[in-house]
Amino acid sequence: HADRPGPRGRCADRAGPARDHAADGAVAAQAQPFWGLAARGAQVEAGAPAFHFRLSDKLQVWTDSASDLYAQAVAAQWNADTDIDWNDAPELPAPVEDAIVQLMTYMVENENAALLVPARFLGQLHPHYRELQAALAIQVADEARHIDVFTRRIRRHGREPALSTAGGQASLKSLLDETDFSVAGFLLSVLGEGTFVHLLQFLQTEAPDPLTRQICRLAARDEARHVALGMSHLLYRLQHEPGFQHQLAQAVEQRFDNLAGTSGLNEEVFDALILIAAGTLTPEALARGAARVQQLMRDMADGRFSKLLRLGFERGHAERLASLHTRNFM
């Protein structure tokens, strides 16, 4: 870019086109270091410092849906103090309450990962891509709110958090270790949070107390938007770079191999799901609970399969990749 006179005769150049709306072609294919923190389209005075944001290539991060998804998220924000009736929490039989506490403990650590992954990329993203910056920022805020309400549900009847397993933490660490924005979004948002939406919807239906059902209904609504953001980015990238599909498949297979020695979903969480669906410890109720959990597993796999088909994977390949997803759900 050639320097040209700016305000008061200073040499300046624009941080991208003067028009700002993404639909008008204002989003540059490559954000320049010397644009720094300037508003998109601003005149940047010569001599401003260079900012080396790692994510400065539009293809690697962009989705045309970011602005709409951000607007939807703003409109759908909820307040944990006023939109949830914390008094609608009758005392449950001790084993059932124990099961909910165990499941919420598991969900908190999953949401910690779902917060930290976009938060890390947010700090690496060139602010030229401000629609995506906003969408990621509100996603982080969503996850912080989920962690808050899940923790409050744990303590609602005086309990402490339950078990966190090595296998579960290993599965989540593999998400934090992924450095590619698109691959991380694929593993976390599309496959992980996509699976998590099914879990939340299951609890919205099967949880024995109104409080847990309320919490899961609100969280599921947020998570569905996170999945949509991840899907829309991958559809954009694959449209422009079809060969990237191979890297996505490799990431699933590599993660599966890396986690092969771990235990996957811990027995405590699996048993908690059965007991929550059963509601009581009678053999008949437990059998019904087990059947519902097996159906949940099938629904989760079907959801992953359908998303992989949307991303252009051949049916057999999509089915195989769906089956290789971590047994820890996220």
Protein backbone atom coordinates (compact mmCIF):
# COMPACT_ATOMS: atom_id res chain seq x y z
CA HIS A 1 0.00 0.00 0.00
CA ALA A 2 1.33 3.41 -0.91
CA ASP A 3 1.24 6.01 1.81
CA ARG A 4 -1.04 8.94 1.10
CA PRO A 5 -1.93 12.11 3.00
CA GLY A 6 -4.25 11.50 5.91
CA PRO A 7 -5.80 13.95 8.36
CA ARG A 8 -3.65 17.05 8.95
CA GLY A 9 -1.45 15.99 6.03
CA ARG A 10 0.04 12.94 7.76
CA CYS A 11 0.96 9.97 5.60
CA ALA A 12 -1.60 7.23 6.18
CA ASP A 13 -3.08 4.15 4.58
CA ARG A 14 -6.38 2.43 5.14
CA ALA A 15 -6.87 -0.71 7.20
CA GLY A 16 -8.72 -2.41 4.38
CA PRO A 17 -11.38 -0.86 2.13
CA ALA A 18 -13.14 2.29 3.34
CA ARG A 19 -16.49 0.52 3.22
CA ASP A 20 -17.05 -1.56 6.35
CA HIS A 21 -19.86 -4.01 5.69
CA ALA A 22 -18.56 -7.53 5.15
CA ALA A 23 -21.11 -8.18 2.40
CA ASP A 24 -19.67 -5.27 0.40
CA GLY A 25 -16.25 -6.88 0.13
CA ALA A 26 -14.73 -4.97 3.02
CA VAL A 27 -13.07 -8.02 4.57
CA ALA A 28 -9.54 -8.46 3.26
CA ALA A 29 -8.20 -11.85 2.28
CA GLN A 30 -5.08 -11.07 4.30
CA ALA A 31 -5.06 -8.67 7.25
CA GLN A 32 -1.85 -6.65 7.37
CA PRO A 33 0.34 -6.36 10.48
CA PHE A 34 0.56 -2.56 10.19
CA TRP A 35 -3.24 -2.26 10.45
CA GLY A 36 -2.82 -3.31 14.07
CA LEU A 37 -5.81 -2.54 16.27
CA ALA A 38 -7.30 0.07 13.95
CA ALA A 39 -10.98 -0.03 13.05
CA ARG A 40 -11.54 -1.70 9.70
CA GLY A 41 -11.31 0.98 7.03
CA ALA A 42 -9.57 3.50 9.30
CA GLN A 43 -6.63 5.54 8.06
CA VAL A 44 -3.53 4.20 9.80
CA GLU A 45 -0.74 6.72 10.20
CA ALA A 46 2.64 5.74 8.81
CA GLY A 47 5.00 4.51 11.51
CA ALA A 48 2.33 2.72 13.56
CA PRO A 49 3.69 -0.50 15.10
CA ALA A 50 3.14 -3.84 13.41
CA PHE A 51 1.00 -6.39 15.24
CA HIS A 52 1.69 -9.99 14.32
CA PHE A 53 -1.61 -11.77 14.86
CA ARG A 54 -1.23 -15.45 13.99
CA LEU A 55 -4.74 -15.67 12.53
CA SER A 56 -4.63 -13.06 9.78
CA ASP A 57 -5.70 -15.12 6.75
CA LYS A 58 -9.42 -14.89 5.96
CA LEU A 59 -9.63 -18.42 4.58
CA GLN A 60 -8.35 -19.90 7.84
CA VAL A 61 -10.99 -18.28 10.06
CA TRP A 62 -13.87 -16.69 8.20
CA THR A 63 -17.58 -17.37 7.91
CA ASP A 64 -20.12 -15.05 6.30
CA SER A 65 -22.56 -16.08 9.07
CA ALA A 66 -20.50 -14.62 11.93
CA SER A 67 -22.38 -11.32 12.09
CA ASP A 68 -25.82 -12.97 12.07
CA LEU A 69 -24.82 -15.55 14.68
CA TYR A 70 -23.44 -12.81 16.91
CA ALA A 71 -26.69 -10.86 16.62
CA GLN A 72 -28.68 -14.00 17.45
CA ALA A 73 -26.47 -14.61 20.48
CA VAL A 74 -26.92 -11.06 21.75
CA ALA A 75 -30.70 -11.37 21.43
CA ALA A 76 -30.73 -14.75 23.17
CA GLN A 77 -28.59 -13.90 26.21
CA TRP A 78 -30.11 -15.05 29.50
CA ASN A 79 -29.53 -14.13 33.11
CA ALA A 80 -28.82 -16.99 35.50
CA ASP A 81 -30.41 -15.10 38.39
CA THR A 82 -33.65 -14.03 36.74
CA ASP A 83 -34.28 -16.57 33.97
CA ILE A 84 -33.83 -19.67 36.16
CA ASP A 85 -36.03 -20.47 39.13
CA TRP A 86 -33.48 -21.73 41.64
CA ASN A 87 -36.24 -22.51 44.12
CA ASP A 88 -37.83 -25.05 41.78
CA ALA A 89 -35.42 -27.70 43.04
CA PRO A 90 -37.16 -30.31 45.19
CA GLU A 91 -34.98 -32.63 47.24
CA LEU A 92 -34.32 -35.77 45.23
CA PRO A 93 -33.44 -39.24 46.54
CA ALA A 94 -29.76 -39.17 47.51
CA PRO A 95 -28.57 -41.53 44.74
CA VAL A 96 -30.34 -39.45 42.08
CA GLU A 97 -28.90 -36.18 43.44
CA ASP A 98 -25.47 -37.83 43.52
CA ALA A 99 -25.93 -38.73 39.84
CA ILE A 100 -26.80 -35.15 38.90
CA VAL A 101 -23.81 -33.81 40.84
CA GLN A 102 -21.50 -36.27 39.07
CA LEU A 103 -22.88 -35.32 35.67
CA MET A 104 -22.64 -31.60 36.37
CA THR A 105 -19.04 -32.06 37.55
CA TYR A 106 -18.27 -33.71 34.22
CA MET A 107 -20.08 -30.95 32.33
CA VAL A 108 -18.13 -28.18 34.08
CA GLU A 109 -14.78 -29.54 32.92
CA ASN A 110 -16.11 -29.96 29.38
CA GLU A 111 -17.30 -26.36 29.40
CA ASN A 112 -13.91 -25.24 30.70
CA ALA A 113 -12.42 -26.68 27.51
CA ALA A 114 -15.18 -25.15 25.40
CA LEU A 115 -14.34 -21.74 26.90
CA LEU A 116 -10.56 -21.95 26.71
CA VAL A 117 -10.28 -23.07 23.09
CA PRO A 118 -12.09 -20.08 21.52
CA ALA A 119 -10.60 -17.73 24.12
CA ARG A 120 -7.10 -18.71 23.04
CA PHE A 121 -7.86 -18.19 19.35
CA LEU A 122 -9.59 -14.91 20.13
CA GLY A 123 -6.28 -13.50 21.34
CA GLN A 124 -4.58 -14.64 18.12
CA LEU A 125 -7.20 -13.30 15.70
CA HIS A 126 -6.53 -10.12 13.74
CA PRO A 127 -9.23 -7.62 14.79
CA HIS A 128 -9.84 -6.82 11.12
CA TYR A 129 -12.14 -9.87 11.26
CA ARG A 130 -14.33 -8.16 13.82
CA GLU A 131 -17.56 -10.11 13.13
CA LEU A 132 -15.79 -13.34 13.99
CA GLN A 133 -14.07 -11.66 16.93
CA ALA A 134 -17.49 -10.71 18.33
CA ALA A 135 -18.96 -14.17 17.72
CA LEU A 136 -16.07 -15.87 19.52
CA ALA A 137 -16.19 -13.40 22.40
CA ILE A 138 -19.86 -14.02 23.09
CA GLN A 139 -19.28 -17.76 22.78
CA VAL A 140 -16.70 -17.48 25.56
CA ALA A 141 -19.23 -15.54 27.64
CA ASP A 142 -21.83 -18.27 27.04
CA GLU A 143 -19.46 -20.92 28.32
CA ALA A 144 -18.61 -18.89 31.41
CA ARG A 145 -22.32 -18.68 32.19
CA HIS A 146 -22.74 -22.44 31.70
CA ILE A 147 -19.86 -23.14 34.10
CA ASP A 148 -21.52 -20.85 36.63
CA VAL A 149 -24.96 -22.48 36.47
CA PHE A 150 -23.64 -26.04 36.41
CA THR A 151 -21.52 -25.26 39.48
CA ARG A 152 -24.48 -23.67 41.25
CA ARG A 153 -26.58 -26.74 40.47
CA ILE A 154 -23.89 -28.95 42.03
CA ARG A 155 -24.03 -26.92 45.24
CA ARG A 156 -27.79 -26.32 45.28
CA HIS A 157 -28.33 -28.96 47.99
CA GLY A 158 -25.00 -28.57 49.75
CA ARG A 159 -22.94 -31.00 47.68
CA GLU A 160 -19.35 -30.71 46.49
CA PRO A 161 -18.13 -31.54 42.96
CA ALA A 162 -17.65 -35.25 42.32
CA LEU A 163 -15.06 -37.19 40.26
CA SER A 164 -12.91 -35.87 37.42
CA THR A 165 -11.12 -38.68 35.61
CA ALA A 166 -7.74 -38.90 33.91
CA GLY A 167 -9.36 -40.18 30.72
CA GLY A 168 -11.79 -37.30 30.58
CA GLN A 169 -9.06 -34.75 31.10
CA ALA A 170 -6.88 -36.42 28.44
CA SER A 171 -9.70 -36.15 25.92
CA LEU A 172 -10.20 -32.47 26.66
CA LYS A 173 -6.46 -31.73 26.67
CA SER A 174 -6.27 -32.97 23.10
CA LEU A 175 -8.66 -30.14 22.15
CA LEU A 176 -6.51 -27.53 23.89
CA ASP A 177 -3.39 -28.92 22.20
CA GLU A 178 -4.80 -28.37 18.69
CA THR A 179 -3.29 -25.25 17.13
CA ASP A 180 -5.19 -25.08 13.84
CA PHE A 181 -8.32 -22.92 14.13
CA SER A 182 -10.38 -24.93 11.64
CA VAL A 183 -9.39 -28.32 13.03
CA ALA A 184 -10.04 -27.21 16.60
CA GLY A 185 -13.45 -25.90 15.58
CA PHE A 186 -14.20 -29.19 13.85
CA LEU A 187 -13.26 -31.32 16.86
CA LEU A 188 -14.74 -29.02 19.51
CA SER A 189 -17.68 -27.17 18.02
CA VAL A 190 -18.95 -29.54 15.34
CA LEU A 191 -18.25 -32.98 16.80
CA GLY A 192 -17.85 -32.19 20.51
CA GLU A 193 -20.45 -29.52 21.16
CA GLY A 194 -22.69 -31.14 18.56
CA THR A 195 -22.64 -34.27 20.70
CA PHE A 196 -23.04 -32.15 23.84
CA VAL A 197 -26.26 -30.61 22.46
CA HIS A 198 -27.76 -34.11 22.38
CA LEU A 199 -26.70 -34.63 25.99
CA LEU A 200 -28.28 -31.36 27.10
CA GLN A 201 -31.49 -32.10 25.22
CA PHE A 202 -31.58 -35.55 26.83
CA LEU A 203 -31.28 -33.94 30.28
CA GLN A 204 -33.88 -31.33 29.39
CA THR A 205 -36.28 -34.24 28.89
CA GLU A 206 -35.06 -36.83 31.39
CA ALA A 207 -33.77 -34.87 34.40
CA PRO A 208 -36.04 -35.51 37.40
CA ASP A 209 -36.12 -31.93 38.70
CA PRO A 210 -37.34 -28.71 37.06
CA LEU A 211 -34.16 -26.79 37.93
CA THR A 212 -31.87 -29.14 36.01
CA ARG A 213 -34.27 -29.17 33.07
CA GLN A 214 -34.34 -25.36 32.96
CA ILE A 215 -30.55 -25.10 33.03
CA CYS A 216 -30.07 -27.66 30.28
CA ARG A 217 -32.72 -26.09 28.03
CA LEU A 218 -30.97 -22.71 28.14
CA ALA A 219 -27.48 -24.17 27.73
CA ALA A 220 -28.58 -26.33 24.77
CA ARG A 221 -29.84 -23.24 22.97
CA ASP A 222 -26.43 -21.59 23.32
CA GLU A 223 -24.51 -24.70 22.29
CA ALA A 224 -26.56 -25.06 19.11
CA ARG A 225 -25.32 -21.60 18.05
CA HIS A 226 -21.73 -22.62 18.76
CA VAL A 227 -22.18 -25.65 16.52
CA ALA A 228 -23.64 -23.42 13.81
CA LEU A 229 -20.62 -21.09 13.97
CA GLY A 230 -18.20 -23.99 13.64
CA MET A 231 -20.17 -25.57 10.79
CA SER A 232 -20.49 -22.32 8.86
CA HIS A 233 -16.74 -21.70 9.03
CA LEU A 234 -15.90 -25.21 7.85
CA LEU A 235 -18.40 -24.99 4.99
CA TYR A 236 -16.76 -21.70 3.96
CA ARG A 237 -13.26 -23.14 4.12
CA LEU A 238 -14.15 -26.36 2.30
CA GLN A 239 -15.92 -24.39 -0.42
CA HIS A 240 -12.66 -22.56 -1.11
CA GLU A 241 -10.28 -25.40 -0.19
CA PRO A 242 -11.96 -28.80 -0.76
CA GLY A 243 -8.73 -30.65 -0.06
CA PHE A 244 -8.84 -29.50 3.56
CA GLN A 245 -11.36 -32.27 4.19
CA HIS A 246 -8.43 -34.71 4.30
CA GLN A 247 -6.85 -32.77 7.18
CA LEU A 248 -10.13 -32.92 9.12
CA ALA A 249 -10.34 -36.68 8.70
CA GLN A 250 -6.72 -37.07 9.75
CA ALA A 251 -7.41 -35.05 12.90
CA VAL A 252 -10.23 -37.39 13.96
CA GLU A 253 -8.13 -40.48 13.30
CA GLN A 254 -5.06 -39.07 15.06
CA ARG A 255 -7.09 -38.04 18.10
CA PHE A 256 -8.67 -41.49 18.25
CA ASP A 257 -5.23 -43.13 18.15
CA ASN A 258 -3.86 -40.78 20.80
CA LEU A 259 -6.76 -41.53 23.16
CA ALA A 260 -6.88 -45.27 22.50
CA GLY A 261 -5.17 -46.02 25.81
CA THR A 262 -7.59 -43.93 27.87
CA SER A 263 -10.81 -45.12 29.46
CA GLY A 264 -13.16 -42.77 27.61
CA LEU A 265 -16.43 -41.90 29.32
CA ASN A 266 -16.03 -42.87 32.96
CA GLU A 267 -18.38 -45.39 34.51
CA GLU A 268 -19.57 -42.85 37.05
CA VAL A 269 -20.90 -40.54 34.32
CA PHE A 270 -22.44 -43.40 32.34
CA ASP A 271 -24.12 -44.80 35.46
CA ALA A 272 -25.27 -41.29 36.40
CA LEU A 273 -27.00 -40.90 33.04
CA ILE A 274 -28.80 -44.21 33.52
CA LEU A 275 -29.93 -43.31 37.02
CA ILE A 276 -31.10 -39.85 35.97
CA ALA A 277 -33.17 -41.37 33.18
CA ALA A 278 -34.46 -44.06 35.55
CA GLY A 279 -35.35 -41.71 38.39
CA THR A 280 -35.32 -44.56 40.88
CA LEU A 281 -33.32 -47.70 41.70
CA THR A 282 -35.92 -50.34 40.84
CA PRO A 283 -34.74 -52.92 38.26
CA GLU A 284 -37.51 -51.96 35.85
CA ALA A 285 -36.67 -48.25 36.05
CA LEU A 286 -32.95 -48.91 35.63
CA ALA A 287 -33.65 -51.03 32.56
CA ARG A 288 -35.68 -48.18 31.07
CA GLY A 289 -32.91 -45.73 31.95
CA ALA A 290 -30.28 -47.92 30.28
CA ALA A 291 -32.40 -48.18 27.13
CA ARG A 292 -32.80 -44.40 26.99
CA VAL A 293 -29.06 -43.88 27.38
CA GLN A 294 -28.35 -46.34 24.58
CA GLN A 295 -30.77 -44.38 22.40
CA LEU A 296 -28.92 -41.20 23.38
CA MET A 297 -25.65 -42.75 22.17
CA ARG A 298 -27.28 -43.62 18.84
CA ASP A 299 -28.70 -40.11 18.50
CA MET A 300 -25.26 -38.63 19.19
CA ALA A 301 -23.63 -40.81 16.53
CA ASP A 302 -26.38 -39.99 14.02
CA GLY A 303 -25.89 -36.28 14.69
CA ARG A 304 -22.15 -36.52 14.03
CA PHE A 305 -22.83 -38.54 10.88
CA SER A 306 -25.27 -35.98 9.49
CA LYS A 307 -22.84 -33.10 10.13
CA LEU A 308 -20.03 -34.98 8.39
CA LEU A 309 -22.30 -35.55 5.39
CA ARG A 310 -23.02 -31.80 5.28
CA LEU A 311 -19.28 -31.21 5.19
CA GLY A 312 -19.05 -33.36 2.07
CA PHE A 313 -17.72 -36.64 3.45
CA GLU A 314 -18.76 -39.79 1.60
CA ARG A 315 -21.32 -41.83 3.58
CA GLY A 316 -19.03 -44.71 4.53
CA HIS A 317 -16.23 -42.36 5.52
CA ALA A 318 -18.63 -40.18 7.51
CA GLU A 319 -19.97 -43.20 9.37
CA ARG A 320 -16.47 -44.35 10.25
CA LEU A 321 -15.33 -40.92 11.43
CA ALA A 322 -18.51 -40.49 13.50
CA SER A 323 -17.72 -43.77 15.25
CA LEU A 324 -14.13 -42.69 16.01
CA HIS A 325 -15.21 -39.61 17.99
CA THR A 326 -14.04 -39.61 21.60
CA ARG A 327 -16.09 -41.75 23.97
CA ASN A 328 -15.92 -38.83 26.38
CA PHE A 329 -18.47 -37.00 24.12
CA MET A 330 -16.41 -33.76 23.97
